[in-house]
N, C-alpha and C. Protein backbone atom coordinates (compact mmCIF):
# COMPACT_ATOMS: atom_id res chain seq x y z
N UNK A 1 -16.09 -13.68 -11.02
CA UNK A 1 -17.42 -13.80 -10.66
C UNK A 1 -18.00 -12.48 -10.51
N UNK A 2 -19.32 -12.34 -11.01
CA UNK A 2 -19.92 -11.19 -10.68
C UNK A 2 -20.10 -10.70 -9.42
N UNK A 3 -20.33 -9.25 -9.25
CA UNK A 3 -20.62 -8.91 -8.00
C UNK A 3 -21.94 -9.46 -7.53
N UNK A 4 -22.74 -9.54 -8.12
CA UNK A 4 -24.22 -10.06 -7.95
C UNK A 4 -24.19 -11.37 -7.30
N UNK A 5 -23.27 -12.16 -7.78
CA UNK A 5 -23.13 -13.55 -7.21
C UNK A 5 -22.33 -13.76 -6.05
N UNK A 6 -21.27 -12.65 -6.08
CA UNK A 6 -20.30 -12.63 -4.86
C UNK A 6 -21.22 -12.18 -3.62
N UNK A 7 -22.03 -11.42 -3.72
CA UNK A 7 -22.70 -10.89 -2.59
C UNK A 7 -24.13 -11.29 -2.54
N UNK A 8 -24.75 -12.11 -3.42
CA UNK A 8 -26.15 -12.87 -3.50
C UNK A 8 -27.05 -11.63 -3.57
N UNK A 9 -26.85 -10.66 -4.44
CA UNK A 9 -27.75 -9.61 -4.32
C UNK A 9 -28.25 -9.42 -5.97
N UNK A 10 -29.56 -9.61 -6.26
CA UNK A 10 -29.96 -9.67 -7.52
C UNK A 10 -29.96 -8.37 -8.24
N UNK A 11 -30.16 -7.30 -7.36
CA UNK A 11 -30.39 -5.83 -8.06
C UNK A 11 -29.93 -4.87 -7.24
N UNK A 12 -29.70 -3.81 -7.81
CA UNK A 12 -28.98 -2.59 -7.14
C UNK A 12 -29.98 -1.13 -7.37
N UNK A 13 -30.02 -0.31 -6.52
CA UNK A 13 -30.64 0.83 -6.84
C UNK A 13 -30.28 1.43 -8.24
N UNK A 14 -28.98 1.49 -8.40
CA UNK A 14 -28.46 2.12 -9.65
C UNK A 14 -27.03 1.55 -9.96
N UNK A 15 -26.74 1.76 -11.26
CA UNK A 15 -25.37 1.30 -11.67
C UNK A 15 -24.33 1.78 -10.78
N UNK A 16 -24.52 3.16 -10.21
CA UNK A 16 -23.44 3.79 -9.33
C UNK A 16 -23.46 3.21 -7.84
N UNK A 17 -24.71 2.72 -7.60
CA UNK A 17 -24.57 1.78 -6.26
C UNK A 17 -23.84 0.64 -6.55
N UNK A 18 -24.15 0.01 -7.71
CA UNK A 18 -23.51 -1.42 -8.07
C UNK A 18 -21.85 -1.01 -8.04
N UNK A 19 -21.31 0.03 -8.74
CA UNK A 19 -19.99 0.05 -8.86
C UNK A 19 -19.30 0.47 -7.48
N UNK A 20 -19.96 1.11 -6.64
CA UNK A 20 -19.59 1.57 -5.43
C UNK A 20 -19.29 0.35 -4.51
N UNK A 21 -20.22 -0.54 -4.41
CA UNK A 21 -20.31 -1.96 -3.71
C UNK A 21 -19.18 -2.70 -4.43
N UNK A 22 -19.11 -2.75 -5.83
CA UNK A 22 -18.00 -3.53 -6.32
C UNK A 22 -16.71 -3.05 -6.04
N UNK A 23 -16.45 -1.82 -5.92
CA UNK A 23 -15.26 -1.18 -5.60
C UNK A 23 -14.68 -1.46 -4.06
N UNK A 24 -15.86 -1.45 -3.06
CA UNK A 24 -15.57 -1.71 -1.90
C UNK A 24 -15.18 -3.26 -1.61
N UNK A 25 -16.10 -4.18 -2.19
CA UNK A 25 -15.76 -5.68 -2.17
C UNK A 25 -14.48 -5.95 -2.86
N UNK A 26 -14.06 -5.47 -4.03
CA UNK A 26 -12.75 -5.76 -4.61
C UNK A 26 -11.64 -4.98 -3.82
N UNK A 27 -11.76 -4.03 -3.18
CA UNK A 27 -10.57 -3.53 -2.34
C UNK A 27 -10.50 -4.34 -1.19
N UNK A 28 -11.50 -4.75 -0.46
CA UNK A 28 -11.29 -5.59 0.58
C UNK A 28 -10.78 -6.90 0.30
N UNK A 29 -11.03 -7.64 -0.93
CA UNK A 29 -10.43 -8.73 -1.53
C UNK A 29 -8.96 -8.69 -1.79
N UNK A 30 -8.68 -7.50 -2.31
CA UNK A 30 -7.32 -7.24 -2.72
C UNK A 30 -6.52 -7.12 -1.44
N UNK A 31 -6.92 -6.27 -0.60
CA UNK A 31 -6.42 -6.00 0.78
C UNK A 31 -6.15 -7.30 1.54
N UNK A 32 -7.01 -8.29 1.54
CA UNK A 32 -6.89 -9.67 1.96
C UNK A 32 -5.67 -10.32 1.61
N UNK A 33 -5.64 -10.29 0.29
CA UNK A 33 -4.54 -10.97 -0.60
C UNK A 33 -3.33 -10.32 -0.04
N UNK A 34 -3.17 -9.09 0.01
CA UNK A 34 -1.93 -8.50 0.41
C UNK A 34 -1.75 -8.68 1.75
N UNK A 35 -2.51 -8.84 2.67
CA UNK A 35 -2.34 -9.09 4.11
C UNK A 35 -1.74 -10.38 4.25
N UNK A 36 -2.20 -11.36 3.51
CA UNK A 36 -1.57 -12.79 3.62
C UNK A 36 -0.15 -12.72 3.15
N UNK A 37 0.16 -12.03 2.12
CA UNK A 37 1.57 -12.14 1.63
C UNK A 37 2.39 -11.18 2.51
N UNK A 38 1.95 -10.08 3.30
CA UNK A 38 2.61 -9.48 4.14
C UNK A 38 2.98 -10.19 5.45
N UNK A 39 2.08 -10.92 5.78
CA UNK A 39 2.21 -11.86 6.95
C UNK A 39 3.41 -12.62 6.81
N UNK A 40 3.61 -13.20 5.64
CA UNK A 40 4.66 -13.94 5.59
C UNK A 40 6.19 -13.32 5.89
N UNK A 41 6.21 -11.93 5.78
CA UNK A 41 7.37 -11.26 6.10
C UNK A 41 7.31 -10.54 7.62
N UNK A 42 6.12 -10.76 8.21
CA UNK A 42 5.78 -10.29 9.67
C UNK A 42 5.86 -8.77 9.51
N UNK A 43 5.15 -8.24 8.48
CA UNK A 43 4.88 -6.71 8.51
C UNK A 43 3.45 -6.56 7.84
N UNK A 44 2.86 -5.41 8.10
CA UNK A 44 1.61 -4.95 7.48
C UNK A 44 1.86 -4.32 6.23
N UNK A 45 0.80 -4.33 5.43
CA UNK A 45 0.80 -3.55 4.05
C UNK A 45 1.33 -1.91 4.31
N UNK A 46 0.72 -1.57 5.27
CA UNK A 46 1.29 -0.04 5.83
C UNK A 46 2.61 -0.02 5.84
N UNK A 47 3.22 -0.90 6.63
CA UNK A 47 4.87 -0.91 6.80
C UNK A 47 5.35 -1.18 5.44
N UNK A 48 4.91 -1.99 4.74
CA UNK A 48 5.46 -2.33 3.48
C UNK A 48 5.54 -1.09 2.65
N UNK A 49 4.35 -0.22 2.56
CA UNK A 49 4.43 0.98 1.84
C UNK A 49 5.22 1.84 2.19
N UNK A 50 5.62 2.07 3.68
CA UNK A 50 6.59 2.92 4.26
C UNK A 50 8.00 2.49 3.57
N UNK A 51 8.19 1.19 3.73
CA UNK A 51 9.59 0.71 3.32
C UNK A 51 9.82 0.99 1.87
N UNK A 52 8.70 0.83 1.08
CA UNK A 52 8.85 1.04 -0.38
C UNK A 52 9.22 2.61 -0.68
N UNK A 53 8.48 3.46 0.03
CA UNK A 53 8.77 4.83 -0.09
C UNK A 53 10.31 5.17 0.16
N UNK A 54 10.71 4.63 1.48
CA UNK A 54 12.01 4.99 1.97
C UNK A 54 13.18 4.29 1.06
N UNK A 55 12.78 3.02 0.50
CA UNK A 55 13.77 2.64 -0.68
C UNK A 55 13.76 3.51 -1.81
N UNK A 56 12.69 4.13 -2.19
CA UNK A 56 12.95 5.02 -3.32
C UNK A 56 13.60 6.32 -3.00
N UNK A 57 13.70 6.70 -1.73
CA UNK A 57 14.46 7.91 -1.49
C UNK A 57 15.89 7.51 -0.98
N UNK A 58 16.26 6.35 -0.67
CA UNK A 58 17.52 5.93 -0.22
C UNK A 58 18.69 6.17 -1.09
N UNK A 59 19.82 6.56 -0.71
CA UNK A 59 20.31 6.73 0.53
C UNK A 59 19.95 7.85 1.30
N UNK A 60 19.07 8.74 0.73
CA UNK A 60 18.69 10.10 1.54
C UNK A 60 17.65 9.55 2.51
N UNK A 61 17.46 10.50 3.68
CA UNK A 61 16.50 10.34 4.64
C UNK A 61 15.16 11.14 4.22
N UNK A 62 14.22 10.76 4.90
CA UNK A 62 12.84 11.43 4.30
C UNK A 62 12.05 11.84 5.50
N UNK A 63 11.42 13.06 5.56
CA UNK A 63 10.72 13.44 6.46
C UNK A 63 9.39 12.79 6.92
N UNK A 64 8.99 12.48 7.92
CA UNK A 64 7.71 11.82 8.22
C UNK A 64 6.58 12.50 7.43
N UNK A 65 6.41 13.68 7.40
CA UNK A 65 5.28 14.30 6.72
C UNK A 65 5.39 14.05 5.25
N UNK A 66 6.47 14.01 4.72
CA UNK A 66 6.73 13.64 3.25
C UNK A 66 6.33 12.08 2.92
N UNK A 67 6.61 11.29 4.00
CA UNK A 67 6.28 9.92 3.87
C UNK A 67 4.64 9.67 3.82
N UNK A 68 4.04 10.44 4.80
CA UNK A 68 2.59 10.47 5.04
C UNK A 68 1.76 10.84 3.78
N UNK A 69 2.52 11.85 3.11
CA UNK A 69 1.70 12.56 2.24
C UNK A 69 1.83 11.69 0.77
N UNK A 70 2.45 10.73 0.71
CA UNK A 70 2.65 9.79 -0.46
C UNK A 70 2.17 8.41 -0.14
N UNK A 71 1.70 8.21 1.09
CA UNK A 71 1.35 6.76 1.53
C UNK A 71 -0.13 6.42 0.83
N UNK A 72 -0.16 5.30 0.45
CA UNK A 72 -1.53 4.73 -0.18
C UNK A 72 -2.48 4.68 0.81
N UNK A 73 -2.20 4.36 2.03
CA UNK A 73 -3.29 4.30 3.20
C UNK A 73 -2.76 5.43 4.17
N UNK A 74 -3.49 6.63 4.28
CA UNK A 74 -2.96 7.75 4.89
C UNK A 74 -3.65 7.60 6.21
N UNK A 75 -4.30 6.69 6.84
CA UNK A 75 -5.08 6.49 7.95
C UNK A 75 -4.12 6.07 9.19
N UNK A 76 -3.03 5.27 8.92
CA UNK A 76 -2.44 4.91 10.03
C UNK A 76 -1.63 5.85 10.88
N UNK A 77 -1.55 5.63 12.07
CA UNK A 77 -0.58 6.45 13.06
C UNK A 77 0.91 6.23 12.58
N UNK A 78 1.37 7.25 11.67
CA UNK A 78 2.67 6.96 11.12
C UNK A 78 3.72 7.11 12.24
N UNK A 79 3.64 7.76 13.34
CA UNK A 79 4.58 7.54 14.56
C UNK A 79 4.67 6.28 14.94
N UNK A 80 3.50 5.57 15.24
CA UNK A 80 3.46 4.16 15.71
C UNK A 80 4.13 3.17 14.91
N UNK A 81 3.74 3.40 13.48
CA UNK A 81 4.18 2.53 12.46
C UNK A 81 5.69 2.56 12.29
N UNK A 82 6.17 3.78 12.36
CA UNK A 82 7.73 3.93 12.35
C UNK A 82 8.47 3.44 13.59
N UNK A 83 7.74 3.40 14.81
CA UNK A 83 8.27 2.76 15.76
C UNK A 83 8.41 1.48 15.85
N UNK A 84 7.28 0.65 15.29
CA UNK A 84 7.42 -0.75 15.00
C UNK A 84 8.47 -1.03 14.06
N UNK A 85 8.71 -0.12 12.97
CA UNK A 85 9.85 -0.60 11.85
C UNK A 85 11.05 -0.34 12.67
N UNK A 86 11.15 0.60 13.43
CA UNK A 86 12.41 0.99 14.24
C UNK A 86 12.76 -0.31 15.03
N UNK A 87 11.79 -0.71 15.86
CA UNK A 87 12.07 -1.98 16.69
C UNK A 87 12.68 -3.11 15.92
N UNK A 88 12.02 -3.36 14.93
CA UNK A 88 12.33 -4.52 14.11
C UNK A 88 13.90 -4.21 13.24
N UNK A 89 14.26 -3.08 13.34
CA UNK A 89 15.69 -2.79 12.67
C UNK A 89 15.67 -2.51 11.28
N UNK A 90 14.46 -2.03 10.78
CA UNK A 90 14.15 -1.91 9.37
C UNK A 90 14.45 -0.48 8.98
N UNK A 91 14.36 0.51 9.81
CA UNK A 91 14.37 1.82 9.65
C UNK A 91 15.37 2.54 10.84
N UNK A 92 15.75 3.74 10.52
CA UNK A 92 16.40 4.52 11.53
C UNK A 92 15.60 5.85 11.58
N UNK A 93 15.63 6.58 12.70
CA UNK A 93 15.21 7.82 12.99
C UNK A 93 16.22 8.65 13.58
N UNK A 94 16.12 10.02 12.94
CA UNK A 94 17.09 10.87 13.40
C UNK A 94 16.37 12.38 13.57
N UNK A 95 16.91 13.07 14.58
CA UNK A 95 16.24 14.30 14.87
C UNK A 95 17.13 15.28 14.20
N UNK A 96 16.55 16.18 13.56
CA UNK A 96 17.25 17.20 12.93
C UNK A 96 17.88 18.06 13.97
N UNK A 97 19.28 18.48 13.93
CA UNK A 97 19.86 19.06 14.93
C UNK A 97 19.49 20.74 14.84
N UNK A 98 18.98 21.18 13.91
CA UNK A 98 18.54 22.51 13.59
C UNK A 98 16.89 22.85 14.08
N UNK A 99 16.30 21.80 13.80
CA UNK A 99 14.89 21.85 14.38
C UNK A 99 14.55 20.63 14.90
N UNK A 100 14.45 20.62 16.25
CA UNK A 100 14.12 19.39 17.18
C UNK A 100 12.71 18.56 16.64
N UNK A 101 11.78 19.42 16.25
CA UNK A 101 10.56 18.80 15.88
C UNK A 101 10.63 18.16 14.49
N UNK A 102 11.67 18.40 13.74
CA UNK A 102 11.59 17.56 12.53
C UNK A 102 12.49 16.41 12.71
N UNK A 103 11.81 15.18 12.27
CA UNK A 103 12.33 13.95 12.26
C UNK A 103 12.55 13.28 10.88
N UNK A 104 13.97 12.73 10.61
CA UNK A 104 14.05 12.11 9.39
C UNK A 104 14.11 10.42 9.53
N UNK A 105 13.47 10.08 8.64
CA UNK A 105 13.56 8.52 8.55
C UNK A 105 14.34 7.91 7.50
N UNK A 106 15.06 7.04 7.65
CA UNK A 106 15.88 6.36 6.60
C UNK A 106 15.64 4.71 6.83
N UNK A 107 16.04 3.99 5.65
CA UNK A 107 15.88 2.68 5.55
C UNK A 107 17.25 1.95 5.94
N UNK A 108 17.33 0.81 6.65
CA UNK A 108 18.42 0.28 6.94
C UNK A 108 18.66 -0.89 5.93
N UNK A 109 19.93 -1.44 5.79
CA UNK A 109 20.08 -2.43 4.99
C UNK A 109 19.26 -3.90 5.11
N UNK A 110 18.88 -3.99 6.43
CA UNK A 110 17.83 -4.98 6.76
C UNK A 110 16.51 -4.77 6.17
N UNK A 111 16.21 -3.37 6.30
CA UNK A 111 14.88 -3.05 5.75
C UNK A 111 14.80 -2.99 4.17
N UNK A 112 16.10 -2.75 3.74
CA UNK A 112 16.16 -2.85 2.11
C UNK A 112 16.09 -4.25 1.66
N UNK A 113 16.62 -5.20 2.30
CA UNK A 113 16.63 -6.68 2.15
C UNK A 113 15.14 -7.06 2.12
N UNK A 114 14.50 -6.67 3.34
CA UNK A 114 13.11 -7.14 3.45
C UNK A 114 12.25 -6.74 2.35
N UNK A 115 12.14 -5.43 2.12
CA UNK A 115 11.29 -4.83 1.02
C UNK A 115 11.62 -5.32 -0.15
N UNK A 116 13.10 -5.81 -0.54
CA UNK A 116 13.18 -6.36 -2.04
C UNK A 116 12.65 -7.75 -2.10
N UNK A 117 12.77 -8.50 -1.05
CA UNK A 117 12.32 -9.84 -1.08
C UNK A 117 10.69 -9.67 -1.17
N UNK A 118 9.95 -8.80 -0.28
CA UNK A 118 8.67 -8.63 -0.29
C UNK A 118 7.89 -8.14 -1.72
N UNK A 119 8.81 -7.37 -2.27
CA UNK A 119 8.45 -6.68 -3.62
C UNK A 119 8.42 -7.77 -4.48
N UNK A 120 9.35 -8.65 -4.45
CA UNK A 120 9.62 -9.73 -5.56
C UNK A 120 8.23 -10.67 -5.41
N UNK A 121 7.74 -10.85 -4.02
CA UNK A 121 6.51 -11.74 -4.00
C UNK A 121 5.25 -11.08 -4.46
N UNK A 122 5.31 -9.66 -4.12
CA UNK A 122 4.25 -8.86 -4.66
C UNK A 122 4.11 -8.64 -6.33
N UNK A 123 5.26 -8.69 -6.69
CA UNK A 123 5.18 -8.57 -8.37
C UNK A 123 4.63 -9.79 -8.99
N UNK A 124 4.58 -10.88 -8.18
CA UNK A 124 4.09 -11.95 -8.85
C UNK A 124 2.42 -11.81 -8.86
N UNK A 125 1.99 -11.02 -7.98
CA UNK A 125 0.54 -10.67 -7.91
C UNK A 125 0.00 -10.11 -9.17
N UNK A 126 0.73 -9.69 -10.21
CA UNK A 126 0.18 -9.26 -11.39
C UNK A 126 -0.68 -10.24 -11.87
N UNK A 127 -0.49 -11.59 -11.54
CA UNK A 127 -1.18 -12.77 -12.15
C UNK A 127 -2.74 -12.57 -11.59
N UNK A 128 -2.97 -11.74 -10.56
CA UNK A 128 -4.47 -11.59 -10.11
C UNK A 128 -5.08 -10.80 -11.31
N UNK A 129 -4.41 -10.05 -12.12
CA UNK A 129 -5.19 -9.48 -13.31
C UNK A 129 -4.99 -10.09 -14.56
N UNK A 130 -4.90 -11.39 -14.41
CA UNK A 130 -4.91 -12.36 -15.71
C UNK A 130 -6.06 -12.05 -16.56
N UNK A 131 -7.10 -11.96 -15.87
CA UNK A 131 -8.42 -11.72 -16.63
C UNK A 131 -8.49 -10.57 -17.52
N UNK A 132 -7.60 -9.52 -17.22
CA UNK A 132 -7.63 -8.29 -17.97
C UNK A 132 -6.50 -8.36 -18.94
N UNK A 133 -6.90 -7.64 -20.19
CA UNK A 133 -5.59 -7.44 -21.08
C UNK A 133 -4.95 -6.15 -20.51
N UNK A 134 -3.74 -5.92 -21.20
CA UNK A 134 -3.10 -4.72 -20.81
C UNK A 134 -3.74 -3.27 -20.97
N UNK A 135 -4.44 -3.46 -22.14
CA UNK A 135 -5.38 -2.30 -22.49
C UNK A 135 -6.52 -2.04 -21.53
N UNK A 136 -7.14 -3.07 -20.95
CA UNK A 136 -8.16 -3.19 -19.99
C UNK A 136 -7.58 -2.60 -18.62
N UNK A 137 -6.42 -3.03 -18.36
CA UNK A 137 -5.87 -2.80 -17.04
C UNK A 137 -5.65 -1.19 -17.28
N UNK A 138 -5.19 -0.63 -18.33
CA UNK A 138 -4.88 0.81 -18.43
C UNK A 138 -6.16 1.44 -18.34
N UNK A 139 -7.15 1.06 -19.03
CA UNK A 139 -8.61 1.63 -19.10
C UNK A 139 -9.05 1.65 -17.41
N UNK A 140 -8.76 0.58 -16.97
CA UNK A 140 -9.67 0.64 -15.49
C UNK A 140 -8.72 1.57 -14.56
N UNK A 141 -7.37 1.54 -14.80
CA UNK A 141 -6.77 2.55 -14.00
C UNK A 141 -7.22 4.03 -14.25
N UNK A 142 -7.28 4.27 -15.58
CA UNK A 142 -7.73 5.49 -16.04
C UNK A 142 -9.11 5.98 -15.55
N UNK A 143 -9.99 4.92 -15.52
CA UNK A 143 -11.28 5.15 -14.95
C UNK A 143 -11.49 5.53 -13.43
N UNK A 144 -10.42 4.82 -12.74
CA UNK A 144 -10.33 5.04 -11.33
C UNK A 144 -9.73 6.41 -11.05
N UNK A 145 -8.77 6.78 -11.96
CA UNK A 145 -8.41 8.26 -11.80
C UNK A 145 -9.36 9.23 -12.04
N UNK A 146 -10.05 9.04 -13.16
CA UNK A 146 -11.30 10.04 -13.43
C UNK A 146 -12.34 9.98 -12.44
N UNK A 147 -12.59 8.71 -11.83
CA UNK A 147 -13.54 8.89 -10.76
C UNK A 147 -13.12 9.75 -9.49
N UNK A 148 -11.77 9.60 -9.26
CA UNK A 148 -11.46 10.70 -8.07
C UNK A 148 -11.40 12.10 -8.63
N UNK A 149 -11.45 12.39 -9.77
CA UNK A 149 -11.55 13.82 -10.43
C UNK A 149 -10.21 14.08 -10.63
């Protein structure tokens, strides 16, 4: 459905305003879909992102700063987010013996199991892009990269 129909607005100040609103609207739509899926696993999309990062580093531990630097959504309070994952038994936290300010995070077997199950469900969401050909999806991704500079 066209953005004009979605938000019931007939015109925009410019094509740039239109694309800006469309990006915000689509981002919110996509975030809502992801939230519904993550709710099935009792985690947030930010927690899922951290678990995926840790799975990629496993069996090595990862510094909290390194996790934050590659997160999709850099806004959450990472310490609190890690605390919640720790409480659920999905991660471990170890203080570096040489530098007590450095904290390393690892993923547990329980965390690996959960992120693998959730990833299988998320992988099915490629169907959300069924209206795009592979070339169009690649072009869209390239345009988004270009927009960010």
